[in-house]
Amino acid sequence: MNADRLRELVEQHRNGDIDTDELMGVLKVLPFEDLGFARIDHHRRLRNGHPEVIYGEGKSPEQAAIIFQRLALQNGNVLCTRATSDMAGAIRSVEPLARYHPLCRIVELRRSVAAGEGLVVVATGGTSDIPVAEEAAIVLESFGSRVERLFDVGVAGIHRLLAHTDLIRQANCVIAVAGMEGALPSVIGGLVEVPVIAVPTSIGYGASFGGVTALLAMLNSCASGVSVVNIDNGFGAACQADMINKLAVRGRGRESAP
């Protein structure tokens, strides 16, 4: 995408040569920005509602900083997940307002601070699962969803979860993050009438196999309405939950309209 092409599209629309739907169709597949080592998809938000997010793992600090800076030119909020402290430092050198969350290893630039929509509850089985849950929560907040955190409510003391039944039943979606045997999503799935997104974590002793035991348990959940993302994938859960939450908010708006 360049200025000349954009000007051409605007003039065609103004002259009636293309209608609004045709223009939007072109905008949704406009070219990416080619940096050589990365091709930045600036128009992803037009297609699926979420801007491109940088996956930091495997990138050099310099590469992450350049991509972050280019995304910041087009978006109010920018995220880099799985970032090291060196990567955060490089990013902050070009975007001083960016903030590093070391617990979940996210670098975040949040210039849009409007109140979040709807409600997503992010619950964890234990305190050790919080880094993955925080990845999900921060991504959700950056995307514009309202989040309530409910930490350390695992099945070993299920009364801790049941004390917050009213809260989880208000949510449009629940993200349940758990390691060990991964039972939390099934319990929550039996309490609510909304989708539950299960996130297995790599927390657990030897036979947990780095989260595989929790993953298989969640895939075999007897509770209906439970979907499962990959091990430690708080980001993927957040994307799905945000879509569900926004759909619920829009649906309620239509129902309430005269």
C-alpha atoms as a PDB file:
ATOM      1  CA  MET A   1       0.000   0.000   0.000  1.00  0.00           C
ATOM      2  CA  ASN A   2       1.316   3.431  -0.927  1.00  0.00           C
ATOM      3  CA  ALA A   3      -0.067   6.957  -1.051  1.00  0.00           C
ATOM      4  CA  ASP A   4      -0.668   6.909  -4.819  1.00  0.00           C
ATOM      5  CA  ARG A   5      -2.695   3.704  -4.684  1.00  0.00           C
ATOM      6  CA  LEU A   6      -4.720   4.972  -1.753  1.00  0.00           C
ATOM      7  CA  ARG A   7      -5.413   8.235  -3.585  1.00  0.00           C
ATOM      8  CA  GLU A   8      -6.509   6.290  -6.654  1.00  0.00           C
ATOM      9  CA  LEU A   9      -8.949   4.190  -4.606  1.00  0.00           C
ATOM     10  CA  VAL A  10     -10.397   7.270  -2.911  1.00  0.00           C
ATOM     11  CA  GLU A  11     -10.909   9.020  -6.260  1.00  0.00           C
ATOM     12  CA  GLN A  12     -12.571   5.936  -7.766  1.00  0.00           C
ATOM     13  CA  HIS A  13     -14.950   5.767  -4.825  1.00  0.00           C
ATOM     14  CA  ARG A  14     -15.669   9.498  -5.002  1.00  0.00           C
ATOM     15  CA  ASN A  15     -16.435   9.292  -8.729  1.00  0.00           C
ATOM     16  CA  GLY A  16     -18.732   6.318  -8.240  1.00  0.00           C
ATOM     17  CA  ASP A  17     -16.540   3.891 -10.165  1.00  0.00           C
ATOM     18  CA  ILE A  18     -16.473   1.557  -7.155  1.00  0.00           C
ATOM     19  CA  ASP A  19     -19.006   1.337  -4.346  1.00  0.00           C
ATOM     20  CA  THR A  20     -18.266   1.200  -0.621  1.00  0.00           C
ATOM     21  CA  ASP A  21     -18.378  -2.594  -0.439  1.00  0.00           C
ATOM     22  CA  GLU A  22     -15.906  -2.888  -3.316  1.00  0.00           C
ATOM     23  CA  LEU A  23     -13.584  -0.380  -1.649  1.00  0.00           C
ATOM     24  CA  MET A  24     -13.712  -2.273   1.646  1.00  0.00           C
ATOM     25  CA  GLY A  25     -12.968  -5.501  -0.215  1.00  0.00           C
ATOM     26  CA  VAL A  26      -9.811  -3.969  -1.686  1.00  0.00           C
ATOM     27  CA  LEU A  27      -8.723  -2.519   1.640  1.00  0.00           C
ATOM     28  CA  LYS A  28      -9.011  -5.898   3.333  1.00  0.00           C
ATOM     29  CA  VAL A  29      -6.393  -7.475   1.060  1.00  0.00           C
ATOM     30  CA  LEU A  30      -3.999  -4.565   0.612  1.00  0.00           C
ATOM     31  CA  PRO A  31      -0.286  -5.430   0.474  1.00  0.00           C
ATOM     32  CA  PHE A  32       1.886  -5.804   3.519  1.00  0.00           C
ATOM     33  CA  GLU A  33       4.949  -3.753   4.443  1.00  0.00           C
ATOM     34  CA  ASP A  34       8.061  -5.690   3.403  1.00  0.00           C
ATOM     35  CA  LEU A  35      11.022  -5.133   5.732  1.00  0.00           C
ATOM     36  CA  GLY A  36      13.063  -7.962   4.253  1.00  0.00           C
ATOM     37  CA  PHE A  37      13.140 -10.016   7.470  1.00  0.00           C
ATOM     38  CA  ALA A  38       9.409  -9.467   8.116  1.00  0.00           C
ATOM     39  CA  ARG A  39       6.272  -8.663   6.158  1.00  0.00           C
ATOM     40  CA  ILE A  40       4.003  -6.603   8.389  1.00  0.00           C
ATOM     41  CA  ASP A  41       0.288  -7.090   7.870  1.00  0.00           C
ATOM     42  CA  HIS A  42      -1.021  -3.606   8.635  1.00  0.00           C
ATOM     43  CA  HIS A  43      -4.529  -4.419   7.475  1.00  0.00           C
ATOM     44  CA  ARG A  44      -5.162  -7.503   9.586  1.00  0.00           C
ATOM     45  CA  ARG A  45      -7.516  -5.577  11.831  1.00  0.00           C
ATOM     46  CA  LEU A  46      -9.706  -4.748   8.837  1.00  0.00           C
ATOM     47  CA  ARG A  47     -10.049  -8.460   8.071  1.00  0.00           C
ATOM     48  CA  ASN A  48     -10.442 -10.088  11.479  1.00  0.00           C
ATOM     49  CA  GLY A  49     -10.781  -7.321  14.059  1.00  0.00           C
ATOM     50  CA  HIS A  50      -7.365  -7.728  15.686  1.00  0.00           C
ATOM     51  CA  PRO A  51      -4.124  -6.012  14.654  1.00  0.00           C
ATOM     52  CA  GLU A  52      -1.021  -8.096  14.052  1.00  0.00           C
ATOM     53  CA  VAL A  53       0.755  -9.033  17.290  1.00  0.00           C
ATOM     54  CA  ILE A  54       4.497  -9.696  17.400  1.00  0.00           C
ATOM     55  CA  TYR A  55       5.587 -13.126  18.592  1.00  0.00           C
ATOM     56  CA  GLY A  56       8.923 -12.258  20.152  1.00  0.00           C
ATOM     57  CA  GLU A  57      10.440 -15.694  20.620  1.00  0.00           C
ATOM     58  CA  GLY A  58      13.201 -16.345  18.093  1.00  0.00           C
ATOM     59  CA  LYS A  59      13.487 -12.728  16.996  1.00  0.00           C
ATOM     60  CA  SER A  60      16.432 -10.502  17.809  1.00  0.00           C
ATOM     61  CA  PRO A  61      15.798  -7.434  19.997  1.00  0.00           C
ATOM     62  CA  GLU A  62      16.532  -5.220  17.000  1.00  0.00           C
ATOM     63  CA  GLN A  63      14.055  -7.036  14.761  1.00  0.00           C
ATOM     64  CA  ALA A  64      11.324  -6.856  17.388  1.00  0.00           C
ATOM     65  CA  ALA A  65      11.961  -3.141  17.936  1.00  0.00           C
ATOM     66  CA  ILE A  66      11.726  -2.302  14.233  1.00  0.00           C
ATOM     67  CA  ILE A  67       8.505  -4.275  13.771  1.00  0.00           C
ATOM     68  CA  PHE A  68       7.033  -2.756  16.936  1.00  0.00           C
ATOM     69  CA  GLN A  69       7.848   0.768  15.773  1.00  0.00           C
ATOM     70  CA  ARG A  70       6.278   0.195  12.351  1.00  0.00           C
ATOM     71  CA  LEU A  71       3.122  -1.255  13.881  1.00  0.00           C
ATOM     72  CA  ALA A  72       2.912   1.699  16.260  1.00  0.00           C
ATOM     73  CA  LEU A  73       2.644   4.049  13.285  1.00  0.00           C
ATOM     74  CA  GLN A  74      -0.606   2.370  12.251  1.00  0.00           C
ATOM     75  CA  ASN A  75      -2.177   1.233  15.541  1.00  0.00           C
ATOM     76  CA  GLY A  76      -3.053   2.813  18.865  1.00  0.00           C
ATOM     77  CA  ASN A  77      -2.170  -0.357  20.773  1.00  0.00           C
ATOM     78  CA  VAL A  78       0.734  -2.691  19.984  1.00  0.00           C
ATOM     79  CA  LEU A  79       1.770  -5.961  21.611  1.00  0.00           C
ATOM     80  CA  CYS A  80       4.851  -8.172  21.561  1.00  0.00           C
ATOM     81  CA  THR A  81       4.420 -11.517  23.317  1.00  0.00           C
ATOM     82  CA  ARG A  82       7.147 -13.841  24.667  1.00  0.00           C
ATOM     83  CA  ALA A  83       9.567 -10.937  24.861  1.00  0.00           C
ATOM     84  CA  THR A  84      12.888 -11.016  26.720  1.00  0.00           C
ATOM     85  CA  SER A  85      14.068  -8.138  28.877  1.00  0.00           C
ATOM     86  CA  ASP A  86      16.640  -7.264  26.178  1.00  0.00           C
ATOM     87  CA  MET A  87      13.864  -7.160  23.617  1.00  0.00           C
ATOM     88  CA  ALA A  88      11.809  -4.927  25.887  1.00  0.00           C
ATOM     89  CA  GLY A  89      14.749  -2.574  26.259  1.00  0.00           C
ATOM     90  CA  ALA A  90      15.224  -2.325  22.500  1.00  0.00           C
ATOM     91  CA  ILE A  91      11.533  -1.643  21.980  1.00  0.00           C
ATOM     92  CA  ARG A  92      11.425   0.993  24.698  1.00  0.00           C
ATOM     93  CA  SER A  93      14.386   2.747  23.066  1.00  0.00           C
ATOM     94  CA  VAL A  94      12.200   3.467  20.012  1.00  0.00           C
ATOM     95  CA  GLU A  95       8.823   3.601  21.792  1.00  0.00           C
ATOM     96  CA  PRO A  96       9.437   5.027  25.294  1.00  0.00           C
ATOM     97  CA  LEU A  97       5.757   4.715  26.264  1.00  0.00           C
ATOM     98  CA  ALA A  98       5.856   0.939  25.828  1.00  0.00           C
ATOM     99  CA  ARG A  99       5.574  -1.064  29.053  1.00  0.00           C
ATOM    100  CA  TYR A 100       7.147  -4.429  29.847  1.00  0.00           C
ATOM    101  CA  HIS A 101       5.205  -7.014  31.865  1.00  0.00           C
ATOM    102  CA  PRO A 102       7.966  -9.407  32.984  1.00  0.00           C
ATOM    103  CA  LEU A 103       5.578 -11.904  34.594  1.00  0.00           C
ATOM    104  CA  CYS A 104       3.968 -12.799  31.283  1.00  0.00           C
ATOM    105  CA  ARG A 105       6.749 -11.431  29.025  1.00  0.00           C
ATOM    106  CA  ILE A 106       4.604  -8.976  27.090  1.00  0.00           C
ATOM    107  CA  VAL A 107       5.696  -5.578  25.818  1.00  0.00           C
ATOM    108  CA  GLU A 108       2.638  -3.375  25.460  1.00  0.00           C
ATOM    109  CA  LEU A 109       1.969   0.040  23.990  1.00  0.00           C
ATOM    110  CA  ARG A 110      -1.552   1.077  24.969  1.00  0.00           C
ATOM    111  CA  ARG A 111      -2.605   4.488  23.712  1.00  0.00           C
ATOM    112  CA  SER A 112      -6.302   3.631  23.500  1.00  0.00           C
ATOM    113  CA  VAL A 113      -7.584   3.457  27.084  1.00  0.00           C
ATOM    114  CA  ALA A 114     -11.352   3.316  26.597  1.00  0.00           C
ATOM    115  CA  ALA A 115     -13.345   1.246  29.082  1.00  0.00           C
ATOM    116  CA  GLY A 116     -13.515  -2.410  28.097  1.00  0.00           C
ATOM    117  CA  GLU A 117     -16.627  -3.991  26.615  1.00  0.00           C
ATOM    118  CA  GLY A 118     -18.582  -6.933  27.972  1.00  0.00           C
ATOM    119  CA  LEU A 119     -16.831  -9.278  30.392  1.00  0.00           C
ATOM    120  CA  VAL A 120     -14.328 -12.116  30.157  1.00  0.00           C
ATOM    121  CA  VAL A 121     -13.306 -13.912  33.348  1.00  0.00           C
ATOM    122  CA  VAL A 122      -9.765 -15.322  33.381  1.00  0.00           C
ATOM    123  CA  ALA A 123      -9.428 -18.013  36.044  1.00  0.00           C
ATOM    124  CA  THR A 124      -6.439 -20.117  37.092  1.00  0.00           C
ATOM    125  CA  GLY A 125      -6.139 -23.390  38.922  1.00  0.00           C
ATOM    126  CA  GLY A 126      -3.103 -22.208  40.868  1.00  0.00           C
ATOM    127  CA  THR A 127      -0.762 -19.285  41.383  1.00  0.00           C
ATOM    128  CA  SER A 128       1.821 -20.988  39.159  1.00  0.00           C
ATOM    129  CA  ASP A 129      -0.561 -20.628  36.218  1.00  0.00           C
ATOM    130  CA  ILE A 130      -0.778 -16.829  36.530  1.00  0.00           C
ATOM    131  CA  PRO A 131       1.908 -15.977  33.908  1.00  0.00           C
ATOM    132  CA  VAL A 132      -0.137 -17.672  31.182  1.00  0.00           C
ATOM    133  CA  ALA A 133      -3.357 -16.150  32.504  1.00  0.00           C
ATOM    134  CA  GLU A 134      -1.823 -12.678  32.563  1.00  0.00           C
ATOM    135  CA  GLU A 135      -0.802 -13.072  28.923  1.00  0.00           C
ATOM    136  CA  ALA A 136      -4.458 -13.725  28.121  1.00  0.00           C
ATOM    137  CA  ALA A 137      -5.740 -10.893  30.327  1.00  0.00           C
ATOM    138  CA  ILE A 138      -3.405  -8.219  28.950  1.00  0.00           C
ATOM    139  CA  VAL A 139      -4.107  -9.203  25.352  1.00  0.00           C
ATOM    140  CA  LEU A 140      -7.848  -9.041  26.034  1.00  0.00           C
ATOM    141  CA  GLU A 141      -7.562  -5.603  27.607  1.00  0.00           C
ATOM    142  CA  SER A 142      -5.465  -4.338  24.700  1.00  0.00           C
ATOM    143  CA  PHE A 143      -8.138  -5.592  22.288  1.00  0.00           C
ATOM    144  CA  GLY A 144     -10.853  -3.763  24.221  1.00  0.00           C
ATOM    145  CA  SER A 145     -12.533  -6.446  26.343  1.00  0.00           C
ATOM    146  CA  ARG A 146     -13.218  -5.986  30.052  1.00  0.00           C
ATOM    147  CA  VAL A 147     -11.440  -8.582  32.182  1.00  0.00           C
ATOM    148  CA  GLU A 148     -11.915  -9.913  35.694  1.00  0.00           C
ATOM    149  CA  ARG A 149      -9.081 -12.025  37.090  1.00  0.00           C
ATOM    150  CA  LEU A 150      -9.890 -14.988  39.335  1.00  0.00           C
ATOM    151  CA  PHE A 151      -6.649 -16.609  40.427  1.00  0.00           C
ATOM    152  CA  ASP A 152      -5.904 -19.753  42.463  1.00  0.00           C
ATOM    153  CA  VAL A 153      -9.384 -21.301  42.385  1.00  0.00           C
ATOM    154  CA  GLY A 154      -8.390 -24.847  41.463  1.00  0.00           C
ATOM    155  CA  VAL A 155     -10.240 -28.055  42.261  1.00  0.00           C
ATOM    156  CA  ALA A 156      -8.038 -28.923  45.252  1.00  0.00           C
ATOM    157  CA  GLY A 157     -10.108 -26.320  47.125  1.00  0.00           C
ATOM    158  CA  ILE A 158     -13.199 -26.010  45.004  1.00  0.00           C
ATOM    159  CA  HIS A 159     -14.972 -23.792  47.530  1.00  0.00           C
ATOM    160  CA  ARG A 160     -12.638 -20.996  46.353  1.00  0.00           C
ATOM    161  CA  LEU A 161     -14.234 -21.178  42.899  1.00  0.00           C
ATOM    162  CA  LEU A 162     -17.792 -21.630  44.128  1.00  0.00           C
ATOM    163  CA  ALA A 163     -17.473 -18.442  46.183  1.00  0.00           C
ATOM    164  CA  HIS A 164     -17.293 -16.550  42.862  1.00  0.00           C
ATOM    165  CA  THR A 165     -20.091 -18.313  40.969  1.00  0.00           C
ATOM    166  CA  ASP A 166     -22.029 -15.068  40.518  1.00  0.00           C
ATOM    167  CA  LEU A 167     -19.032 -13.427  38.831  1.00  0.00           C
ATOM    168  CA  ILE A 168     -18.309 -16.203  36.350  1.00  0.00           C
ATOM    169  CA  ARG A 169     -22.001 -16.410  35.417  1.00  0.00           C
ATOM    170  CA  GLN A 170     -21.939 -12.730  34.410  1.00  0.00           C
ATOM    171  CA  ALA A 171     -19.180 -13.319  31.859  1.00  0.00           C
ATOM    172  CA  ASN A 172     -19.699 -13.691  28.118  1.00  0.00           C
ATOM    173  CA  CYS A 173     -16.781 -16.112  28.058  1.00  0.00           C
ATOM    174  CA  VAL A 174     -14.469 -17.746  30.614  1.00  0.00           C
ATOM    175  CA  ILE A 175     -10.812 -18.617  30.105  1.00  0.00           C
ATOM    176  CA  ALA A 176      -9.766 -21.425  32.453  1.00  0.00           C
ATOM    177  CA  VAL A 177      -5.996 -21.819  32.830  1.00  0.00           C
ATOM    178  CA  ALA A 178      -4.674 -24.903  34.617  1.00  0.00           C
ATOM    179  CA  GLY A 179      -1.791 -27.328  34.784  1.00  0.00           C
ATOM    180  CA  MET A 180      -1.470 -30.552  36.792  1.00  0.00           C
ATOM    181  CA  GLU A 181      -4.519 -32.692  35.842  1.00  0.00           C
ATOM    182  CA  GLY A 182      -6.268 -29.790  34.095  1.00  0.00           C
ATOM    183  CA  ALA A 183      -9.672 -30.239  35.729  1.00  0.00           C
ATOM    184  CA  LEU A 184     -10.670 -26.590  36.185  1.00  0.00           C
ATOM    185  CA  PRO A 185     -12.288 -26.018  32.752  1.00  0.00           C
ATOM    186  CA  SER A 186     -14.599 -29.011  33.204  1.00  0.00           C
ATOM    187  CA  VAL A 187     -15.790 -27.726  36.569  1.00  0.00           C
ATOM    188  CA  ILE A 188     -16.417 -24.231  35.238  1.00  0.00           C
ATOM    189  CA  GLY A 189     -18.086 -25.668  32.140  1.00  0.00           C
ATOM    190  CA  GLY A 190     -20.634 -27.326  34.390  1.00  0.00           C
ATOM    191  CA  LEU A 191     -21.500 -24.013  36.082  1.00  0.00           C
ATOM    192  CA  VAL A 192     -21.994 -21.559  33.210  1.00  0.00           C
ATOM    193  CA  GLU A 193     -23.989 -21.218  29.999  1.00  0.00           C
ATOM    194  CA  VAL A 194     -21.228 -19.484  28.045  1.00  0.00           C
ATOM    195  CA  PRO A 195     -18.175 -20.796  26.174  1.00  0.00           C
ATOM    196  CA  VAL A 196     -15.213 -21.898  28.268  1.00  0.00           C
ATOM    197  CA  ILE A 197     -11.761 -21.757  26.717  1.00  0.00           C
ATOM    198  CA  ALA A 198      -9.366 -24.193  28.365  1.00  0.00           C
ATOM    199  CA  VAL A 199      -5.663 -23.375  28.473  1.00  0.00           C
ATOM    200  CA  PRO A 200      -3.377 -26.193  29.629  1.00  0.00           C
ATOM    201  CA  THR A 201      -0.128 -25.031  31.203  1.00  0.00           C
ATOM    202  CA  SER A 202       3.231 -26.755  31.479  1.00  0.00           C
ATOM    203  CA  ILE A 203       2.964 -26.679  35.301  1.00  0.00           C
ATOM    204  CA  GLY A 204       3.145 -30.061  37.006  1.00  0.00           C
ATOM    205  CA  TYR A 205       5.352 -32.935  38.123  1.00  0.00           C
ATOM    206  CA  GLY A 206       7.011 -35.504  35.860  1.00  0.00           C
ATOM    207  CA  ALA A 207       3.988 -37.375  34.525  1.00  0.00           C
ATOM    208  CA  SER A 208       2.374 -34.089  33.498  1.00  0.00           C
ATOM    209  CA  PHE A 209       4.779 -34.246  30.528  1.00  0.00           C
ATOM    210  CA  GLY A 210       5.123 -30.481  30.240  1.00  0.00           C
ATOM    211  CA  GLY A 211       1.395 -29.894  30.004  1.00  0.00           C
ATOM    212  CA  VAL A 212       0.421 -32.819  27.772  1.00  0.00           C
ATOM    213  CA  THR A 213      -1.542 -34.469  30.597  1.00  0.00           C
ATOM    214  CA  ALA A 214      -3.588 -31.302  31.159  1.00  0.00           C
ATOM    215  CA  LEU A 215      -4.059 -30.872  27.405  1.00  0.00           C
ATOM    216  CA  LEU A 216      -5.432 -34.401  26.968  1.00  0.00           C
ATOM    217  CA  ALA A 217      -7.663 -34.052  30.023  1.00  0.00           C
ATOM    218  CA  MET A 218      -9.148 -30.825  28.662  1.00  0.00           C
ATOM    219  CA  LEU A 219      -9.662 -32.340  25.205  1.00  0.00           C
ATOM    220  CA  ASN A 220     -11.567 -35.164  26.908  1.00  0.00           C
ATOM    221  CA  SER A 221     -13.689 -32.859  29.074  1.00  0.00           C
ATOM    222  CA  CYS A 222     -17.166 -34.184  29.833  1.00  0.00           C
ATOM    223  CA  ALA A 223     -18.513 -30.618  30.088  1.00  0.00           C
ATOM    224  CA  SER A 224     -20.146 -29.250  26.944  1.00  0.00           C
ATOM    225  CA  GLY A 225     -19.050 -25.904  25.561  1.00  0.00           C
ATOM    226  CA  VAL A 226     -15.354 -26.316  26.404  1.00  0.00           C
ATOM    227  CA  SER A 227     -12.788 -25.597  23.679  1.00  0.00           C
ATOM    228  CA  VAL A 228      -9.037 -26.060  24.099  1.00  0.00           C
ATOM    229  CA  VAL A 229      -5.988 -24.138  22.889  1.00  0.00           C
ATOM    230  CA  ASN A 230      -2.369 -25.228  22.901  1.00  0.00           C
ATOM    231  CA  ILE A 231      -0.166 -25.565  25.983  1.00  0.00           C
ATOM    232  CA  ASP A 232       0.647 -22.171  27.577  1.00  0.00           C
ATOM    233  CA  ASN A 233      -1.186 -20.367  24.751  1.00  0.00           C
ATOM    234  CA  GLY A 234      -2.775 -17.517  26.666  1.00  0.00           C
ATOM    235  CA  PHE A 235      -2.593 -15.352  23.554  1.00  0.00           C
ATOM    236  CA  GLY A 236      -4.648 -17.741  21.437  1.00  0.00           C
ATOM    237  CA  ALA A 237      -7.264 -18.052  24.168  1.00  0.00           C
ATOM    238  CA  ALA A 238      -7.501 -14.268  24.417  1.00  0.00           C
ATOM    239  CA  CYS A 239      -8.115 -13.857  20.683  1.00  0.00           C
ATOM    240  CA  GLN A 240     -10.932 -16.395  20.734  1.00  0.00           C
ATOM    241  CA  ALA A 241     -12.444 -14.983  23.930  1.00  0.00           C
ATOM    242  CA  ASP A 242     -12.368 -11.432  22.605  1.00  0.00           C
ATOM    243  CA  MET A 243     -14.280 -12.488  19.486  1.00  0.00           C
ATOM    244  CA  ILE A 244     -16.892 -14.291  21.573  1.00  0.00           C
ATOM    245  CA  ASN A 245     -17.214 -11.378  23.976  1.00  0.00           C
ATOM    246  CA  LYS A 246     -17.620  -8.814  21.178  1.00  0.00           C
ATOM    247  CA  LEU A 247     -20.236 -10.967  19.447  1.00  0.00           C
ATOM    248  CA  ALA A 248     -22.168 -11.194  22.701  1.00  0.00           C
ATOM    249  CA  VAL A 249     -21.994  -7.430  23.238  1.00  0.00           C
ATOM    250  CA  ARG A 250     -23.236  -6.723  19.709  1.00  0.00           C
ATOM    251  CA  GLY A 251     -25.995  -9.304  20.041  1.00  0.00           C
ATOM    252  CA  ARG A 252     -27.255  -7.760  23.249  1.00  0.00           C
ATOM    253  CA  GLY A 253     -27.207  -4.352  21.602  1.00  0.00           C
ATOM    254  CA  ARG A 254     -29.412  -5.591  18.751  1.00  0.00           C
ATOM    255  CA  GLU A 255     -31.817  -7.311  21.116  1.00  0.00           C
ATOM    256  CA  SER A 256     -32.290  -4.143  23.125  1.00  0.00           C
ATOM    257  CA  ALA A 257     -32.873  -1.962  20.067  1.00  0.00           C
ATOM    258  CA  PRO A 258     -36.496  -0.935  19.364  1.00  0.00           C
END
